[in-house]
Amino acid sequence: MSDHTAASLAQLDVLIPLIKALPPSPSTERLTEEAEALRRACAAFHMEAIRFRIYNVDRLIKQTGEDPSLRKALEDVRHALEAAGFHTRSHVAP
């Protein structure tokens, strides 16, 4: 783990337990898998995987009902990644 990834990994360590606390369903299982894959991508410092996985986690959070605590935790992860110089979106929002 580098200094660049420490903050984002810490934020993911907040997000993942929130996801695991959701009622079991196929969508929450997929969300858990994607969040754990995002954590591995961050630990590996893999820019493309980070962008791909954070997109999937974001999309799956929307599909599970847009829980405000999940949304905030994901935005905290995104902020930590962007502060470390990672690009978490494939384009800049207008």
C-alpha atoms as a PDB file:
ATOM      1  CA  MET A   1       0.000   0.000   0.000  1.00  0.00           C
ATOM      2  CA  SER A   2       1.305   3.444  -0.874  1.00  0.00           C
ATOM      3  CA  ASP A   3       0.482   6.817   0.585  1.00  0.00           C
ATOM      4  CA  HIS A   4      -1.585   7.436  -2.552  1.00  0.00           C
ATOM      5  CA  THR A   5      -3.916   4.551  -1.857  1.00  0.00           C
ATOM      6  CA  ALA A   6      -4.084   4.606   1.958  1.00  0.00           C
ATOM      7  CA  ALA A   7      -6.977   7.097   2.207  1.00  0.00           C
ATOM      8  CA  SER A   8      -9.043   5.430  -0.507  1.00  0.00           C
ATOM      9  CA  LEU A   9      -8.520   1.982   1.035  1.00  0.00           C
ATOM     10  CA  ALA A  10      -9.594   3.365   4.409  1.00  0.00           C
ATOM     11  CA  GLN A  11     -12.759   4.778   2.832  1.00  0.00           C
ATOM     12  CA  LEU A  12     -13.445   1.468   1.094  1.00  0.00           C
ATOM     13  CA  ASP A  13     -13.092  -0.209   4.476  1.00  0.00           C
ATOM     14  CA  VAL A  14     -16.045   1.959   5.559  1.00  0.00           C
ATOM     15  CA  LEU A  15     -18.109   1.321   2.410  1.00  0.00           C
ATOM     16  CA  ILE A  16     -17.747  -2.453   2.157  1.00  0.00           C
ATOM     17  CA  PRO A  17     -19.222  -3.268   5.607  1.00  0.00           C
ATOM     18  CA  LEU A  18     -22.189  -1.004   4.812  1.00  0.00           C
ATOM     19  CA  ILE A  19     -22.783  -2.991   1.645  1.00  0.00           C
ATOM     20  CA  LYS A  20     -22.406  -6.313   3.453  1.00  0.00           C
ATOM     21  CA  ALA A  21     -25.022  -5.174   5.988  1.00  0.00           C
ATOM     22  CA  LEU A  22     -27.680  -4.851   3.265  1.00  0.00           C
ATOM     23  CA  PRO A  23     -30.347  -7.551   3.060  1.00  0.00           C
ATOM     24  CA  PRO A  24     -29.093 -10.480   0.976  1.00  0.00           C
ATOM     25  CA  SER A  25     -30.127 -10.503  -2.665  1.00  0.00           C
ATOM     26  CA  PRO A  26     -28.481 -11.158  -6.022  1.00  0.00           C
ATOM     27  CA  SER A  27     -27.964  -7.408  -6.537  1.00  0.00           C
ATOM     28  CA  THR A  28     -26.333  -6.860  -3.149  1.00  0.00           C
ATOM     29  CA  GLU A  29     -24.129  -9.902  -3.740  1.00  0.00           C
ATOM     30  CA  ARG A  30     -22.992  -8.362  -7.039  1.00  0.00           C
ATOM     31  CA  LEU A  31     -22.469  -4.995  -5.324  1.00  0.00           C
ATOM     32  CA  THR A  32     -20.295  -6.670  -2.689  1.00  0.00           C
ATOM     33  CA  GLU A  33     -18.223  -8.396  -5.369  1.00  0.00           C
ATOM     34  CA  GLU A  34     -17.702  -5.134  -7.269  1.00  0.00           C
ATOM     35  CA  ALA A  35     -16.784  -3.170  -4.128  1.00  0.00           C
ATOM     36  CA  GLU A  36     -14.240  -5.810  -3.135  1.00  0.00           C
ATOM     37  CA  ALA A  37     -12.840  -5.766  -6.679  1.00  0.00           C
ATOM     38  CA  LEU A  38     -12.592  -1.962  -6.439  1.00  0.00           C
ATOM     39  CA  ARG A  39     -10.595  -2.356  -3.223  1.00  0.00           C
ATOM     40  CA  ARG A  40      -8.203  -4.784  -4.941  1.00  0.00           C
ATOM     41  CA  ALA A  41      -7.836  -2.382  -7.885  1.00  0.00           C
ATOM     42  CA  CYS A  42      -6.980   0.471  -5.505  1.00  0.00           C
ATOM     43  CA  ALA A  43      -4.467  -1.665  -3.642  1.00  0.00           C
ATOM     44  CA  ALA A  44      -2.870  -2.603  -6.978  1.00  0.00           C
ATOM     45  CA  PHE A  45      -2.847   1.054  -8.104  1.00  0.00           C
ATOM     46  CA  HIS A  46      -4.575   0.028 -11.366  1.00  0.00           C
ATOM     47  CA  MET A  47      -6.114   3.139 -12.925  1.00  0.00           C
ATOM     48  CA  GLU A  48      -8.322   1.480 -15.553  1.00  0.00           C
ATOM     49  CA  ALA A  49      -9.647  -1.101 -13.108  1.00  0.00           C
ATOM     50  CA  ILE A  50     -10.433   1.642 -10.590  1.00  0.00           C
ATOM     51  CA  ARG A  51     -12.447   3.598 -13.152  1.00  0.00           C
ATOM     52  CA  PHE A  52     -14.284   0.463 -14.306  1.00  0.00           C
ATOM     53  CA  ARG A  53     -15.055  -0.807 -10.809  1.00  0.00           C
ATOM     54  CA  ILE A  54     -16.144   2.525  -9.318  1.00  0.00           C
ATOM     55  CA  TYR A  55     -18.536   2.953 -12.244  1.00  0.00           C
ATOM     56  CA  ASN A  56     -20.017  -0.480 -11.521  1.00  0.00           C
ATOM     57  CA  VAL A  57     -20.314   0.187  -7.780  1.00  0.00           C
ATOM     58  CA  ASP A  58     -21.988   3.533  -8.479  1.00  0.00           C
ATOM     59  CA  ARG A  59     -24.451   1.932 -10.912  1.00  0.00           C
ATOM     60  CA  LEU A  60     -25.276  -0.917  -8.538  1.00  0.00           C
ATOM     61  CA  ILE A  61     -25.866   1.464  -5.625  1.00  0.00           C
ATOM     62  CA  LYS A  62     -28.402   3.268  -7.802  1.00  0.00           C
ATOM     63  CA  GLN A  63     -30.073  -0.060  -8.619  1.00  0.00           C
ATOM     64  CA  THR A  64     -30.330  -1.092  -4.955  1.00  0.00           C
ATOM     65  CA  GLY A  65     -32.354   1.976  -4.058  1.00  0.00           C
ATOM     66  CA  GLU A  66     -29.801   4.781  -3.683  1.00  0.00           C
ATOM     67  CA  ASP A  67     -29.213   4.366   0.065  1.00  0.00           C
ATOM     68  CA  PRO A  68     -27.893   7.746   1.349  1.00  0.00           C
ATOM     69  CA  SER A  69     -25.242   6.174   3.592  1.00  0.00           C
ATOM     70  CA  LEU A  70     -23.904   4.113   0.681  1.00  0.00           C
ATOM     71  CA  ARG A  71     -23.936   7.141  -1.600  1.00  0.00           C
ATOM     72  CA  LYS A  72     -21.977   9.229   0.922  1.00  0.00           C
ATOM     73  CA  ALA A  73     -19.470   6.435   1.548  1.00  0.00           C
ATOM     74  CA  LEU A  74     -18.921   6.008  -2.200  1.00  0.00           C
ATOM     75  CA  GLU A  75     -18.462   9.750  -2.679  1.00  0.00           C
ATOM     76  CA  ASP A  76     -15.892   9.691   0.151  1.00  0.00           C
ATOM     77  CA  VAL A  77     -14.051   6.917  -1.720  1.00  0.00           C
ATOM     78  CA  ARG A  78     -14.251   8.907  -4.960  1.00  0.00           C
ATOM     79  CA  HIS A  79     -12.933  12.045  -3.239  1.00  0.00           C
ATOM     80  CA  ALA A  80     -10.004  10.150  -1.690  1.00  0.00           C
ATOM     81  CA  LEU A  81      -9.130   8.618  -5.066  1.00  0.00           C
ATOM     82  CA  GLU A  82      -9.341  11.935  -6.895  1.00  0.00           C
ATOM     83  CA  ALA A  83      -7.243  13.644  -4.194  1.00  0.00           C
ATOM     84  CA  ALA A  84      -4.597  10.977  -4.819  1.00  0.00           C
ATOM     85  CA  GLY A  85      -4.643  11.748  -8.550  1.00  0.00           C
ATOM     86  CA  PHE A  86      -6.853   8.916  -9.796  1.00  0.00           C
ATOM     87  CA  HIS A  87      -9.455   9.677 -12.427  1.00  0.00           C
ATOM     88  CA  THR A  88     -12.708   8.029 -11.350  1.00  0.00           C
ATOM     89  CA  ARG A  89     -14.809   9.090 -14.311  1.00  0.00           C
ATOM     90  CA  SER A  90     -14.238   8.496 -17.986  1.00  0.00           C
ATOM     91  CA  HIS A  91     -15.334  12.051 -18.774  1.00  0.00           C
ATOM     92  CA  VAL A  92     -15.818  15.353 -17.008  1.00  0.00           C
ATOM     93  CA  ALA A  93     -19.407  16.165 -16.142  1.00  0.00           C
ATOM     94  CA  PRO A  94     -20.692  19.383 -17.753  1.00  0.00           C
END
